[in-house]
Amino acid sequence: MISYFQQEERKKIVIEQFGMAAYEEMMFHTRDPIKVGLTNKKVLPGFLQYAIRSLTCTPVTTN
C-alpha cells in the first residue's frame, strides 16, 4: 500500500480530493502495525467475501 500511494499520480489524486493532511495521515497509518493487523483481520476478509459473492452471482447480504 505504501508504494502504491507513493506513486506520483496516486498521491496527486488523494491530495486533490482530500488534502495534504489526509494524505500524510493515511501514509502514517499504513506504517502502524496495529492498524495493518486490524485491516488484515477485519476489512480484507469482508471485502474478499463480498467480491467472491458478487462474482459468483450469489446474493450479497450484510450481517
N, C-alpha and C. Protein backbone atom coordinates (compact mmCIF):
# COMPACT_ATOMS: atom_id res chain seq x y z
N MET A 1 0.82 -1.19 0.00
CA MET A 1 0.00 0.00 0.00
C MET A 1 0.87 1.26 0.00
N ILE A 2 1.95 1.19 0.75
CA ILE A 2 2.81 2.37 0.83
C ILE A 2 3.34 2.74 -0.55
N SER A 3 3.90 1.77 -1.25
CA SER A 3 4.47 2.08 -2.57
C SER A 3 3.38 2.49 -3.56
N TYR A 4 2.19 1.93 -3.43
CA TYR A 4 1.07 2.28 -4.31
C TYR A 4 0.71 3.76 -4.15
N PHE A 5 0.56 4.20 -2.91
CA PHE A 5 0.15 5.58 -2.67
C PHE A 5 1.31 6.57 -2.75
N GLN A 6 2.53 6.09 -2.86
CA GLN A 6 3.66 6.98 -3.10
C GLN A 6 3.86 7.26 -4.59
N GLN A 7 3.18 6.49 -5.43
CA GLN A 7 3.26 6.77 -6.86
C GLN A 7 2.70 8.17 -7.09
N GLU A 8 3.40 8.95 -7.88
CA GLU A 8 3.08 10.38 -8.03
C GLU A 8 1.62 10.62 -8.43
N GLU A 9 1.11 9.84 -9.37
CA GLU A 9 -0.27 10.04 -9.82
C GLU A 9 -1.28 9.74 -8.71
N ARG A 10 -1.05 8.64 -7.97
CA ARG A 10 -1.95 8.28 -6.87
C ARG A 10 -1.91 9.33 -5.77
N LYS A 11 -0.69 9.75 -5.44
CA LYS A 11 -0.51 10.77 -4.41
C LYS A 11 -1.24 12.05 -4.80
N LYS A 12 -1.10 12.46 -6.04
CA LYS A 12 -1.76 13.67 -6.54
C LYS A 12 -3.27 13.57 -6.41
N ILE A 13 -3.83 12.43 -6.77
CA ILE A 13 -5.29 12.24 -6.70
C ILE A 13 -5.77 12.35 -5.26
N VAL A 14 -5.09 11.68 -4.34
CA VAL A 14 -5.50 11.72 -2.94
C VAL A 14 -5.42 13.15 -2.40
N ILE A 15 -4.34 13.84 -2.70
CA ILE A 15 -4.17 15.20 -2.21
C ILE A 15 -5.23 16.13 -2.79
N GLU A 16 -5.53 15.98 -4.07
CA GLU A 16 -6.56 16.82 -4.69
C GLU A 16 -7.93 16.58 -4.07
N GLN A 17 -8.25 15.33 -3.76
CA GLN A 17 -9.57 15.01 -3.25
C GLN A 17 -9.71 15.24 -1.74
N PHE A 18 -8.63 14.99 -0.99
CA PHE A 18 -8.75 15.00 0.46
C PHE A 18 -7.80 15.95 1.17
N GLY A 19 -6.78 16.45 0.47
CA GLY A 19 -5.83 17.38 1.05
C GLY A 19 -4.55 16.70 1.53
N MET A 20 -3.52 17.52 1.70
CA MET A 20 -2.21 17.01 2.10
C MET A 20 -2.24 16.39 3.49
N ALA A 21 -2.96 17.00 4.42
CA ALA A 21 -3.02 16.46 5.79
C ALA A 21 -3.60 15.05 5.79
N ALA A 22 -4.63 14.82 5.00
CA ALA A 22 -5.24 13.49 4.94
C ALA A 22 -4.27 12.49 4.32
N TYR A 23 -3.55 12.92 3.29
CA TYR A 23 -2.57 12.03 2.67
C TYR A 23 -1.49 11.64 3.67
N GLU A 24 -0.96 12.62 4.38
CA GLU A 24 0.09 12.35 5.35
C GLU A 24 -0.41 11.44 6.48
N GLU A 25 -1.64 11.66 6.92
CA GLU A 25 -2.21 10.80 7.96
C GLU A 25 -2.39 9.38 7.45
N MET A 26 -2.85 9.25 6.22
CA MET A 26 -3.03 7.93 5.63
C MET A 26 -1.69 7.20 5.53
N MET A 27 -0.65 7.90 5.10
CA MET A 27 0.67 7.28 4.99
C MET A 27 1.19 6.89 6.37
N PHE A 28 0.93 7.70 7.37
CA PHE A 28 1.34 7.38 8.73
C PHE A 28 0.66 6.09 9.20
N HIS A 29 -0.64 5.96 8.93
CA HIS A 29 -1.39 4.78 9.37
C HIS A 29 -0.97 3.51 8.63
N THR A 30 -0.47 3.64 7.41
CA THR A 30 -0.03 2.44 6.68
C THR A 30 1.22 1.83 7.30
N ARG A 31 1.87 2.57 8.16
CA ARG A 31 3.08 2.06 8.84
C ARG A 31 2.79 1.59 10.26
N ASP A 32 1.54 1.70 10.70
CA ASP A 32 1.15 1.32 12.06
C ASP A 32 0.79 -0.17 12.08
N PRO A 33 1.60 -1.00 12.75
CA PRO A 33 1.35 -2.45 12.73
C PRO A 33 0.01 -2.84 13.33
N ILE A 34 -0.51 -2.08 14.27
CA ILE A 34 -1.82 -2.40 14.85
C ILE A 34 -2.91 -2.17 13.82
N LYS A 35 -2.87 -1.05 13.14
CA LYS A 35 -3.89 -0.77 12.12
C LYS A 35 -3.79 -1.75 10.95
N VAL A 36 -2.59 -2.09 10.56
CA VAL A 36 -2.41 -3.06 9.47
C VAL A 36 -2.98 -4.42 9.89
N GLY A 37 -2.72 -4.81 11.12
CA GLY A 37 -3.25 -6.08 11.62
C GLY A 37 -4.77 -6.09 11.65
N LEU A 38 -5.38 -4.99 12.09
CA LEU A 38 -6.84 -4.91 12.12
C LEU A 38 -7.42 -4.96 10.71
N THR A 39 -6.76 -4.29 9.78
CA THR A 39 -7.21 -4.33 8.39
C THR A 39 -7.18 -5.75 7.86
N ASN A 40 -6.07 -6.44 8.12
CA ASN A 40 -5.95 -7.83 7.65
C ASN A 40 -6.98 -8.74 8.30
N LYS A 41 -7.32 -8.46 9.54
CA LYS A 41 -8.24 -9.32 10.27
C LYS A 41 -9.71 -9.02 9.96
N LYS A 42 -10.05 -7.75 9.78
CA LYS A 42 -11.46 -7.36 9.64
C LYS A 42 -11.86 -6.92 8.23
N VAL A 43 -11.13 -5.99 7.67
CA VAL A 43 -11.56 -5.38 6.41
C VAL A 43 -11.35 -6.31 5.22
N LEU A 44 -10.18 -6.87 5.09
CA LEU A 44 -9.89 -7.70 3.92
C LEU A 44 -10.78 -8.93 3.80
N PRO A 45 -11.02 -9.69 4.88
CA PRO A 45 -11.92 -10.85 4.73
C PRO A 45 -13.33 -10.45 4.27
N GLY A 46 -13.84 -9.36 4.80
CA GLY A 46 -15.17 -8.90 4.39
C GLY A 46 -15.19 -8.47 2.93
N PHE A 47 -14.16 -7.75 2.52
CA PHE A 47 -14.07 -7.33 1.13
C PHE A 47 -13.98 -8.53 0.20
N LEU A 48 -13.14 -9.48 0.55
CA LEU A 48 -12.98 -10.67 -0.30
C LEU A 48 -14.28 -11.48 -0.38
N GLN A 49 -14.96 -11.60 0.74
CA GLN A 49 -16.24 -12.33 0.74
C GLN A 49 -17.25 -11.62 -0.16
N TYR A 50 -17.32 -10.31 -0.07
CA TYR A 50 -18.23 -9.54 -0.91
C TYR A 50 -17.86 -9.70 -2.39
N ALA A 51 -16.57 -9.61 -2.70
CA ALA A 51 -16.12 -9.73 -4.08
C ALA A 51 -16.44 -11.10 -4.66
N ILE A 52 -16.20 -12.14 -3.89
CA ILE A 52 -16.48 -13.50 -4.36
C ILE A 52 -17.97 -13.69 -4.61
N ARG A 53 -18.77 -13.21 -3.68
CA ARG A 53 -20.23 -13.34 -3.87
C ARG A 53 -20.70 -12.58 -5.09
N SER A 54 -20.17 -11.39 -5.31
CA SER A 54 -20.62 -10.61 -6.47
C SER A 54 -20.16 -11.25 -7.78
N LEU A 55 -19.02 -11.92 -7.78
CA LEU A 55 -18.54 -12.58 -8.99
C LEU A 55 -19.27 -13.88 -9.27
N THR A 56 -19.80 -14.52 -8.24
CA THR A 56 -20.49 -15.78 -8.43
C THR A 56 -22.01 -15.61 -8.50
N CYS A 57 -22.44 -14.37 -8.53
CA CYS A 57 -23.87 -14.05 -8.62
C CYS A 57 -24.65 -14.53 -7.40
N THR A 58 -24.00 -14.75 -6.31
CA THR A 58 -24.66 -15.11 -5.08
C THR A 58 -25.15 -13.83 -4.43
N PRO A 59 -26.39 -13.77 -4.00
CA PRO A 59 -26.89 -12.53 -3.36
C PRO A 59 -26.00 -12.13 -2.19
N VAL A 60 -25.72 -10.86 -2.13
CA VAL A 60 -24.88 -10.34 -1.06
C VAL A 60 -25.77 -9.75 0.01
N THR A 61 -25.61 -10.21 1.23
CA THR A 61 -26.37 -9.65 2.35
C THR A 61 -25.39 -9.10 3.35
N THR A 62 -25.82 -8.09 4.07
CA THR A 62 -24.96 -7.53 5.12
C THR A 62 -25.32 -8.18 6.43
N ASN A 63 -24.31 -8.38 7.25
CA ASN A 63 -24.54 -9.02 8.56
C ASN A 63 -24.79 -7.99 9.61
